[in-house]
Amino acid sequence: MVAEVLGEKVFPDLESLPELPDIVDVFRAAKHVPAIVESCIKLGIKNLWLQEGIIHEEAAQRAGGAGITVVMDRCMWRDAVKFGVHPRREQAS
């Protein structure tokens, strides 16, 4: 495992974080989602975002049943741009 990425310290799992995040944004294959959901439930994390192309209906239902807000198969950056939360990047000419 690497120690950092782009100057940010890397942690092996959610349980190793020094503080709880407001949201867990998943960029992993769908097969990893059930374990991530279980960690979120265990830790009391209330928001889970599965990036575009990541779909796991059973895990999403489990998370929702535990009171976690789940967004699935969506790109957080695209939605932020779409809803005006994040400005579009200018295209280089």
N, C-alpha and C. Protein backbone atom coordinates (compact mmCIF):
# COMPACT_ATOMS: atom_id res chain seq x y z
N MET A 1 0.84 -1.18 0.00
CA MET A 1 0.00 0.00 0.00
C MET A 1 0.88 1.24 0.00
N VAL A 2 0.46 2.25 -0.73
CA VAL A 2 1.19 3.51 -0.77
C VAL A 2 0.88 4.32 0.48
N ALA A 3 1.78 5.23 0.84
CA ALA A 3 1.60 6.05 2.04
C ALA A 3 0.77 7.30 1.77
N GLU A 4 0.88 7.82 0.52
CA GLU A 4 0.09 9.01 0.19
C GLU A 4 -0.15 9.08 -1.32
N VAL A 5 -1.18 9.83 -1.67
CA VAL A 5 -1.54 10.07 -3.07
C VAL A 5 -1.80 11.56 -3.21
N LEU A 6 -1.11 12.19 -4.16
CA LEU A 6 -1.24 13.63 -4.40
C LEU A 6 -1.08 14.44 -3.11
N GLY A 7 -0.16 13.99 -2.27
CA GLY A 7 0.14 14.70 -1.04
C GLY A 7 -0.81 14.42 0.11
N GLU A 8 -1.79 13.54 -0.09
CA GLU A 8 -2.76 13.20 0.95
C GLU A 8 -2.45 11.82 1.53
N LYS A 9 -2.47 11.71 2.85
CA LYS A 9 -2.22 10.43 3.50
C LYS A 9 -3.29 9.41 3.10
N VAL A 10 -2.87 8.17 2.92
CA VAL A 10 -3.75 7.08 2.52
C VAL A 10 -4.06 6.21 3.74
N PHE A 11 -5.32 5.76 3.84
CA PHE A 11 -5.75 4.88 4.92
C PHE A 11 -6.28 3.59 4.29
N PRO A 12 -6.06 2.45 4.91
CA PRO A 12 -6.44 1.17 4.29
C PRO A 12 -7.95 0.91 4.28
N ASP A 13 -8.69 1.56 5.19
CA ASP A 13 -10.13 1.33 5.27
C ASP A 13 -10.77 2.46 6.07
N LEU A 14 -12.09 2.47 6.09
CA LEU A 14 -12.81 3.54 6.80
C LEU A 14 -12.52 3.52 8.30
N GLU A 15 -12.36 2.33 8.84
CA GLU A 15 -12.10 2.22 10.28
C GLU A 15 -10.78 2.87 10.70
N SER A 16 -9.87 3.06 9.78
CA SER A 16 -8.57 3.65 10.09
C SER A 16 -8.53 5.17 9.99
N LEU A 17 -9.60 5.77 9.52
CA LEU A 17 -9.62 7.24 9.40
C LEU A 17 -9.55 7.91 10.76
N PRO A 18 -8.84 9.04 10.87
CA PRO A 18 -8.75 9.73 12.15
C PRO A 18 -10.06 10.41 12.56
N GLU A 19 -10.93 10.70 11.59
CA GLU A 19 -12.26 11.25 11.89
C GLU A 19 -13.22 10.75 10.83
N LEU A 20 -14.51 10.75 11.16
CA LEU A 20 -15.50 10.24 10.23
C LEU A 20 -15.80 11.26 9.14
N PRO A 21 -15.93 10.80 7.90
CA PRO A 21 -16.29 11.71 6.82
C PRO A 21 -17.79 11.98 6.81
N ASP A 22 -18.19 13.07 6.16
CA ASP A 22 -19.61 13.37 5.98
C ASP A 22 -20.22 12.45 4.93
N ILE A 23 -19.38 12.04 3.98
CA ILE A 23 -19.85 11.18 2.89
C ILE A 23 -18.71 10.25 2.46
N VAL A 24 -19.08 9.04 2.07
CA VAL A 24 -18.12 8.11 1.49
C VAL A 24 -18.42 8.05 0.00
N ASP A 25 -17.45 8.42 -0.82
CA ASP A 25 -17.57 8.46 -2.27
C ASP A 25 -16.80 7.26 -2.82
N VAL A 26 -17.52 6.30 -3.40
CA VAL A 26 -16.94 5.02 -3.79
C VAL A 26 -16.53 5.02 -5.27
N PHE A 27 -15.27 4.73 -5.50
CA PHE A 27 -14.70 4.58 -6.84
C PHE A 27 -14.15 3.17 -7.00
N ARG A 28 -14.79 2.18 -6.41
CA ARG A 28 -14.31 0.80 -6.47
C ARG A 28 -15.33 -0.06 -7.19
N ALA A 29 -14.91 -1.24 -7.61
CA ALA A 29 -15.82 -2.16 -8.28
C ALA A 29 -16.99 -2.50 -7.35
N ALA A 30 -18.15 -2.76 -7.96
CA ALA A 30 -19.36 -3.03 -7.20
C ALA A 30 -19.20 -4.17 -6.19
N LYS A 31 -18.35 -5.14 -6.49
CA LYS A 31 -18.18 -6.27 -5.57
C LYS A 31 -17.66 -5.84 -4.20
N HIS A 32 -17.06 -4.65 -4.11
CA HIS A 32 -16.53 -4.15 -2.83
C HIS A 32 -17.56 -3.37 -2.02
N VAL A 33 -18.68 -3.05 -2.64
CA VAL A 33 -19.67 -2.18 -1.98
C VAL A 33 -20.27 -2.79 -0.71
N PRO A 34 -20.64 -4.07 -0.66
CA PRO A 34 -21.22 -4.60 0.58
C PRO A 34 -20.31 -4.39 1.81
N ALA A 35 -19.03 -4.62 1.67
CA ALA A 35 -18.11 -4.43 2.81
C ALA A 35 -18.04 -2.94 3.19
N ILE A 36 -18.08 -2.07 2.20
CA ILE A 36 -18.04 -0.62 2.48
C ILE A 36 -19.31 -0.22 3.21
N VAL A 37 -20.45 -0.75 2.79
CA VAL A 37 -21.72 -0.48 3.47
C VAL A 37 -21.66 -0.94 4.92
N GLU A 38 -21.13 -2.12 5.15
CA GLU A 38 -21.04 -2.62 6.53
C GLU A 38 -20.17 -1.70 7.39
N SER A 39 -19.08 -1.20 6.82
CA SER A 39 -18.23 -0.26 7.56
C SER A 39 -18.98 1.03 7.86
N CYS A 40 -19.72 1.53 6.88
CA CYS A 40 -20.50 2.76 7.08
C CYS A 40 -21.52 2.57 8.19
N ILE A 41 -22.20 1.44 8.19
CA ILE A 41 -23.19 1.15 9.25
C ILE A 41 -22.50 1.10 10.60
N LYS A 42 -21.42 0.34 10.68
CA LYS A 42 -20.67 0.17 11.93
C LYS A 42 -20.21 1.52 12.49
N LEU A 43 -19.75 2.40 11.61
CA LEU A 43 -19.18 3.68 12.04
C LEU A 43 -20.21 4.80 12.17
N GLY A 44 -21.41 4.57 11.68
CA GLY A 44 -22.44 5.61 11.76
C GLY A 44 -22.34 6.68 10.67
N ILE A 45 -21.69 6.35 9.58
CA ILE A 45 -21.58 7.28 8.44
C ILE A 45 -22.94 7.33 7.76
N LYS A 46 -23.43 8.51 7.47
CA LYS A 46 -24.81 8.69 7.02
C LYS A 46 -25.01 8.90 5.53
N ASN A 47 -23.94 9.05 4.75
CA ASN A 47 -24.08 9.33 3.32
C ASN A 47 -23.10 8.49 2.51
N LEU A 48 -23.63 7.84 1.47
CA LEU A 48 -22.83 6.97 0.62
C LEU A 48 -23.11 7.31 -0.84
N TRP A 49 -22.07 7.59 -1.59
CA TRP A 49 -22.19 7.93 -3.00
C TRP A 49 -21.42 6.90 -3.81
N LEU A 50 -22.12 6.20 -4.71
CA LEU A 50 -21.49 5.24 -5.60
C LEU A 50 -21.36 5.90 -6.96
N GLN A 51 -20.15 6.07 -7.42
CA GLN A 51 -19.89 6.79 -8.66
C GLN A 51 -20.53 6.12 -9.87
N GLU A 52 -20.55 6.85 -10.97
CA GLU A 52 -21.14 6.38 -12.21
C GLU A 52 -20.59 5.01 -12.59
N GLY A 53 -21.49 4.09 -12.89
CA GLY A 53 -21.11 2.74 -13.27
C GLY A 53 -21.04 1.77 -12.10
N ILE A 54 -21.18 2.26 -10.89
CA ILE A 54 -21.13 1.38 -9.71
C ILE A 54 -22.55 1.17 -9.21
N ILE A 55 -23.02 -0.06 -9.33
CA ILE A 55 -24.40 -0.39 -8.96
C ILE A 55 -24.38 -1.68 -8.13
N HIS A 56 -24.99 -1.61 -6.95
CA HIS A 56 -25.16 -2.80 -6.12
C HIS A 56 -26.45 -2.62 -5.34
N GLU A 57 -27.54 -3.11 -5.93
CA GLU A 57 -28.88 -2.88 -5.36
C GLU A 57 -29.03 -3.42 -3.94
N GLU A 58 -28.56 -4.63 -3.69
CA GLU A 58 -28.70 -5.23 -2.36
C GLU A 58 -27.98 -4.41 -1.30
N ALA A 59 -26.76 -3.99 -1.60
CA ALA A 59 -26.00 -3.20 -0.63
C ALA A 59 -26.66 -1.84 -0.42
N ALA A 60 -27.19 -1.25 -1.49
CA ALA A 60 -27.87 0.05 -1.36
C ALA A 60 -29.11 -0.09 -0.48
N GLN A 61 -29.85 -1.19 -0.64
CA GLN A 61 -31.02 -1.42 0.21
C GLN A 61 -30.62 -1.62 1.66
N ARG A 62 -29.55 -2.36 1.87
CA ARG A 62 -29.05 -2.58 3.24
C ARG A 62 -28.67 -1.25 3.87
N ALA A 63 -27.95 -0.41 3.11
CA ALA A 63 -27.54 0.90 3.62
C ALA A 63 -28.75 1.77 3.91
N GLY A 64 -29.69 1.82 2.97
CA GLY A 64 -30.90 2.62 3.17
C GLY A 64 -31.69 2.17 4.39
N GLY A 65 -31.76 0.87 4.58
CA GLY A 65 -32.45 0.32 5.75
C GLY A 65 -31.79 0.69 7.06
N ALA A 66 -30.51 1.02 6.99
CA ALA A 66 -29.76 1.42 8.19
C ALA A 66 -29.74 2.95 8.36
N GLY A 67 -30.52 3.65 7.52
CA GLY A 67 -30.61 5.09 7.65
C GLY A 67 -29.56 5.88 6.88
N ILE A 68 -28.86 5.22 5.98
CA ILE A 68 -27.83 5.88 5.17
C ILE A 68 -28.47 6.38 3.88
N THR A 69 -28.20 7.63 3.54
CA THR A 69 -28.64 8.17 2.26
C THR A 69 -27.69 7.65 1.19
N VAL A 70 -28.24 7.04 0.15
CA VAL A 70 -27.44 6.42 -0.90
C VAL A 70 -27.73 7.07 -2.25
N VAL A 71 -26.67 7.45 -2.94
CA VAL A 71 -26.75 7.87 -4.34
C VAL A 71 -25.93 6.85 -5.11
N MET A 72 -26.53 6.32 -6.18
CA MET A 72 -25.87 5.23 -6.90
C MET A 72 -25.82 5.54 -8.39
N ASP A 73 -24.69 5.18 -9.00
CA ASP A 73 -24.50 5.29 -10.45
C ASP A 73 -24.59 6.74 -10.93
N ARG A 74 -23.96 7.66 -10.17
CA ARG A 74 -23.93 9.07 -10.55
C ARG A 74 -22.55 9.63 -10.30
N CYS A 75 -22.18 10.62 -11.07
CA CYS A 75 -20.89 11.29 -10.92
C CYS A 75 -21.07 12.54 -10.07
N MET A 76 -20.42 12.59 -8.94
CA MET A 76 -20.56 13.72 -8.02
C MET A 76 -20.14 15.03 -8.69
N TRP A 77 -19.04 15.02 -9.43
CA TRP A 77 -18.57 16.24 -10.07
C TRP A 77 -19.56 16.72 -11.12
N ARG A 78 -20.06 15.82 -11.97
CA ARG A 78 -21.04 16.22 -12.98
C ARG A 78 -22.30 16.78 -12.35
N ASP A 79 -22.76 16.16 -11.28
CA ASP A 79 -23.96 16.67 -10.60
C ASP A 79 -23.70 18.04 -9.99
N ALA A 80 -22.52 18.24 -9.44
CA ALA A 80 -22.18 19.54 -8.85
C ALA A 80 -22.18 20.63 -9.93
N VAL A 81 -21.66 20.32 -11.11
CA VAL A 81 -21.66 21.27 -12.22
C VAL A 81 -23.11 21.51 -12.68
N LYS A 82 -23.85 20.43 -12.85
CA LYS A 82 -25.24 20.51 -13.34
C LYS A 82 -26.10 21.40 -12.44
N PHE A 83 -25.92 21.27 -11.13
CA PHE A 83 -26.74 22.02 -10.19
C PHE A 83 -26.11 23.34 -9.76
N GLY A 84 -24.99 23.72 -10.41
CA GLY A 84 -24.39 25.02 -10.14
C GLY A 84 -23.58 25.12 -8.87
N VAL A 85 -23.26 23.99 -8.27
CA VAL A 85 -22.46 23.99 -7.04
C VAL A 85 -20.98 24.14 -7.35
N HIS A 86 -20.58 23.69 -8.52
CA HIS A 86 -19.17 23.72 -8.95
C HIS A 86 -19.13 24.30 -10.36
N PRO A 87 -18.29 25.30 -10.60
CA PRO A 87 -18.24 25.89 -11.94
C PRO A 87 -17.62 24.92 -12.96
N ARG A 88 -18.08 25.02 -14.20
CA ARG A 88 -17.47 24.23 -15.28
C ARG A 88 -16.05 24.69 -15.49
N ARG A 89 -15.20 23.74 -15.83
CA ARG A 89 -13.83 24.09 -16.20
C ARG A 89 -13.85 24.67 -17.61
N GLU A 90 -13.08 25.68 -17.83
CA GLU A 90 -12.98 26.27 -19.16
C GLU A 90 -12.17 25.35 -20.06
N GLN A 91 -12.61 25.17 -21.28
CA GLN A 91 -11.88 24.35 -22.25
C GLN A 91 -10.67 25.13 -22.75
N ALA A 92 -9.54 24.44 -22.85
CA ALA A 92 -8.33 25.08 -23.41
C ALA A 92 -8.53 25.26 -24.91
N SER A 93 -8.10 26.43 -25.43
CA SER A 93 -8.28 26.65 -26.87
C SER A 93 -7.04 26.36 -27.66
